[in-house]
Protein backbone atom coordinates (compact mmCIF):
# COMPACT_ATOMS: atom_id res chain seq x y z
CA MET A 1 -21.98 -16.56 -11.39
CA ALA A 2 -25.30 -14.83 -11.08
CA ARG A 3 -26.09 -12.51 -14.41
CA HIS A 4 -28.24 -9.14 -14.18
CA ARG A 5 -31.43 -10.06 -15.49
CA ASP A 6 -30.95 -7.75 -18.47
CA HIS A 7 -27.53 -9.53 -19.54
CA GLN A 8 -27.44 -9.89 -22.95
CA PRO A 9 -25.67 -12.98 -24.36
CA GLU A 10 -22.30 -12.58 -25.35
CA ARG A 11 -21.80 -11.49 -28.98
CA GLU A 12 -18.89 -10.66 -31.13
CA PRO A 13 -17.57 -7.31 -30.38
CA GLU A 14 -18.13 -5.06 -33.13
CA GLU A 15 -14.35 -3.93 -33.57
CA LEU A 16 -11.79 -6.06 -32.57
CA VAL A 17 -8.66 -4.22 -31.18
CA SER A 18 -5.47 -5.62 -31.92
CA LEU A 19 -1.96 -4.74 -30.52
CA ASP A 20 1.36 -4.76 -32.68
CA PRO A 21 4.18 -3.90 -30.05
CA LEU A 22 6.61 -3.69 -33.29
CA LEU A 23 4.39 -1.26 -35.06
CA ASN A 24 6.77 1.97 -33.78
CA TYR A 25 9.56 0.19 -32.39
CA ARG A 26 12.92 1.65 -33.70
CA PRO A 27 16.27 0.12 -32.63
CA LEU A 28 18.37 2.98 -30.92
CA GLY A 29 21.58 1.78 -32.72
CA LYS A 30 23.81 3.02 -29.65
CA PRO A 31 26.87 0.95 -27.84
CA GLY A 32 25.86 2.13 -24.44
CA PRO A 33 23.97 4.39 -22.54
CA VAL A 34 24.20 8.27 -22.99
CA THR A 35 25.90 9.67 -19.64
CA THR A 36 26.43 13.31 -20.44
CA LEU A 37 23.01 15.63 -19.52
CA THR A 38 22.20 17.87 -22.13
CA PRO A 39 19.28 20.48 -22.13
CA GLN A 40 17.75 18.63 -25.38
CA LEU A 41 17.85 15.06 -23.57
CA GLY A 42 16.78 16.73 -20.41
CA ALA A 43 13.58 18.25 -22.10
CA GLN A 44 12.92 15.03 -23.86
CA LEU A 45 13.10 13.02 -20.91
CA CYS A 46 10.92 15.15 -18.84
CA ARG A 47 8.54 15.84 -21.61
CA ARG A 48 8.04 11.18 -21.47
CA ILE A 49 7.52 11.75 -17.60
CA ALA A 50 4.94 14.38 -18.22
CA ALA A 51 3.52 12.01 -20.40
CA GLY A 52 3.40 9.49 -17.74
CA ASP A 53 6.44 7.26 -18.63
CA THR A 54 8.13 5.61 -15.60
CA LEU A 55 11.66 6.85 -15.01
CA ARG A 56 13.08 3.62 -16.42
CA ASP A 57 10.72 3.83 -19.64
CA ALA A 58 11.53 7.17 -20.07
CA ALA A 59 15.09 6.87 -19.71
CA ALA A 60 15.03 3.84 -22.14
CA ALA A 61 13.10 6.17 -24.86
CA VAL A 62 15.99 8.68 -24.68
CA GLY A 63 18.79 6.35 -24.72
CA THR A 64 20.11 6.23 -21.11
CA THR A 65 19.19 4.17 -17.74
CA ASP A 66 17.31 4.87 -14.77
CA THR A 67 20.37 4.89 -12.85
CA VAL A 68 22.44 7.61 -14.73
CA VAL A 69 19.19 9.77 -14.44
CA GLN A 70 19.07 9.26 -11.13
CA GLY A 71 22.88 10.15 -10.46
CA TRP A 72 21.81 13.45 -12.56
CA ARG A 73 19.08 14.47 -9.66
CA THR A 74 21.34 13.38 -7.33
CA ARG A 75 23.69 15.91 -8.91
CA GLY A 76 21.46 18.53 -9.30
CA THR A 77 20.09 18.40 -5.94
CA GLU A 78 23.32 19.04 -4.50
CA SER A 79 24.03 21.92 -6.64
CA VAL A 80 20.74 23.41 -5.74
CA GLU A 81 21.76 23.11 -2.06
CA ARG A 82 24.79 25.14 -2.92
CA GLY A 83 23.09 27.82 -4.57
CA LYS A 84 24.62 26.76 -8.07
CA GLU A 85 22.64 27.34 -11.34
CA ASP A 86 23.46 24.96 -13.83
CA VAL A 87 22.21 22.19 -16.40
CA TYR A 88 21.79 20.02 -13.57
CA THR A 89 19.74 22.40 -11.58
CA ALA A 90 17.60 23.05 -14.37
CA PHE A 91 17.02 19.24 -15.05
CA VAL A 92 15.88 18.72 -11.35
CA MET A 93 13.42 21.60 -11.48
CA GLU A 94 12.24 20.45 -14.78
CA TYR A 95 11.91 16.72 -13.66
CA ASP A 96 9.96 17.51 -10.81
CA ALA A 97 7.65 19.96 -12.38
CA ALA A 98 6.68 17.15 -14.88
CA ALA A 99 6.17 14.54 -12.63
CA ALA A 100 3.87 17.16 -10.73
CA HIS A 101 2.26 17.75 -13.83
CA PHE A 102 1.61 14.13 -14.47
CA ARG A 103 0.28 13.34 -10.85
CA ARG A 104 -2.02 16.73 -11.25
CA VAL A 105 -3.60 14.86 -14.48
CA LEU A 106 -4.51 11.82 -12.84
CA GLN A 107 -6.11 13.72 -9.69
CA GLU A 108 -8.13 15.80 -12.14
CA ALA A 109 -9.38 12.91 -14.20
CA ALA A 110 -10.02 11.35 -10.65
CA MET A 111 -12.09 14.44 -10.06
CA GLU A 112 -13.64 14.70 -12.87
CA ASN A 113 -14.89 11.12 -12.56
CA ILE A 114 -16.00 11.07 -8.83
CA GLY A 115 -19.38 10.06 -9.54
CA ASN A 116 -19.02 8.25 -12.63
CA ARG A 117 -19.44 4.53 -11.94
CA ALA A 118 -17.85 3.46 -15.45
CA PHE A 119 -14.47 4.63 -14.38
CA ASN A 120 -12.17 2.65 -12.28
CA ASP A 121 -10.10 4.68 -10.28
CA LYS A 122 -7.72 1.63 -9.18
CA TRP A 123 -4.88 2.23 -11.59
CA VAL A 124 -4.75 6.15 -11.15
CA ARG A 125 -4.59 5.70 -7.40
CA TRP A 126 -1.96 2.76 -7.99
CA ARG A 127 -0.03 5.23 -10.34
CA LEU A 128 -0.10 7.90 -7.74
CA ALA A 129 1.25 5.37 -4.90
CA THR A 130 3.85 4.81 -7.10
CA SER A 131 4.78 7.93 -8.43
CA ASP A 132 5.04 9.58 -5.04
CA PRO A 133 4.46 7.00 -1.86
CA LYS A 134 5.24 9.61 0.46
CA ASN A 135 2.28 11.46 -0.42
CA PHE A 136 -0.13 8.79 -1.86
CA THR A 137 0.31 5.76 0.36
CA LEU A 138 -1.32 5.11 3.53
CA PRO A 139 0.71 4.25 6.41
CA ARG A 140 0.93 0.69 7.56
CA THR A 141 -0.66 -0.23 10.75
CA ALA A 142 0.91 -2.70 13.32
CA GLY A 143 -2.31 -4.69 13.72
CA PRO A 144 -3.30 -7.58 11.56
CA THR A 145 -4.51 -7.26 7.64
CA SER A 146 -6.81 -9.59 5.89
CA SER A 147 -3.69 -10.35 3.59
CA ASP A 148 -1.39 -11.75 6.29
CA GLY A 149 -4.04 -13.19 8.65
CA GLY A 150 -2.49 -11.53 11.70
CA ALA A 151 0.99 -13.66 10.92
CA PHE A 152 3.00 -10.88 11.22
CA GLU A 153 3.16 -8.19 13.98
CA LEU A 154 5.33 -5.50 14.62
CA VAL A 155 7.69 -5.98 17.88
CA THR A 156 10.58 -4.40 19.51
CA PRO A 157 13.88 -5.75 19.46
CA ASP A 158 13.58 -6.51 22.99
CA GLU A 159 10.34 -8.06 22.68
CA ALA A 160 11.81 -10.31 19.96
CA GLN A 161 14.62 -11.50 21.94
CA LYS A 162 12.55 -12.16 25.28
CA THR A 163 10.13 -14.20 23.33
CA LEU A 164 12.97 -16.09 21.51
CA ALA A 165 14.65 -16.66 24.72
CA GLU A 166 11.27 -17.90 26.11
CA ARG A 167 10.35 -20.45 23.24
CA LEU A 168 14.15 -21.97 23.55
CA ALA A 169 13.71 -22.52 26.79
CA ARG A 170 10.42 -24.35 26.19
CA PHE A 171 11.99 -26.33 23.45
CA LEU A 172 15.22 -27.60 25.58
CA THR A 173 12.78 -28.47 28.45
CA ASN A 174 10.87 -30.61 26.05
CA GLU A 175 14.02 -32.07 24.69
CA ASP A 176 15.00 -33.05 28.06
CA LYS A 177 11.70 -34.64 28.78
CA LYS A 178 12.07 -36.79 25.62
CA LEU A 179 15.87 -37.96 26.41
CA GLU A 180 14.63 -39.06 30.05
CA PRO A 181 14.39 -42.53 30.27
CA PRO A 182 11.18 -43.93 30.98
CA PRO A 183 9.94 -44.44 34.81
CA PRO A 184 10.43 -47.91 35.64
CA ALA A 185 7.11 -50.24 35.29
CA PRO A 186 5.19 -50.61 38.79
CA GLU A 187 6.18 -54.65 39.74
CA GLU A 188 3.12 -56.71 40.13
């Protein structure tokens, strides 16, 4: 690989960065996930979402699971649709606001650094796409892409059935030809 003419030979970094995963780890000491939503628990979870944790990580940090949190969100959404106000509707509103806050922070960082060549926005775009796929991913097209080399294309069920029938007929014809006895050799 070619090096830039101003490239300096490799040298020791001035300060080494070390990671200690157990530095701030504290066991929860709970026999199972918390399944009852309280305003305090909802606030803790939403604060972690606003800070950028994924749903699974935020739920684990407060002592529950992502499945339980999704249930709370479903229950809250149903309550909102019925016009009811309870701890679940408040949680849904707070959760959505926290997720929107984090996405807004990412978007602002990308916009502030739009001309900064040192800023790599790939992680920002990926994180936005994972947090809100409907609004931050591009729709797939039926044309070939560089990753699959055109091996897959979208077809309708009728087209697929027609192609399958044609290939089966061709296969059976070829198999019949293989099973036919060879023509007799011409006599001399």
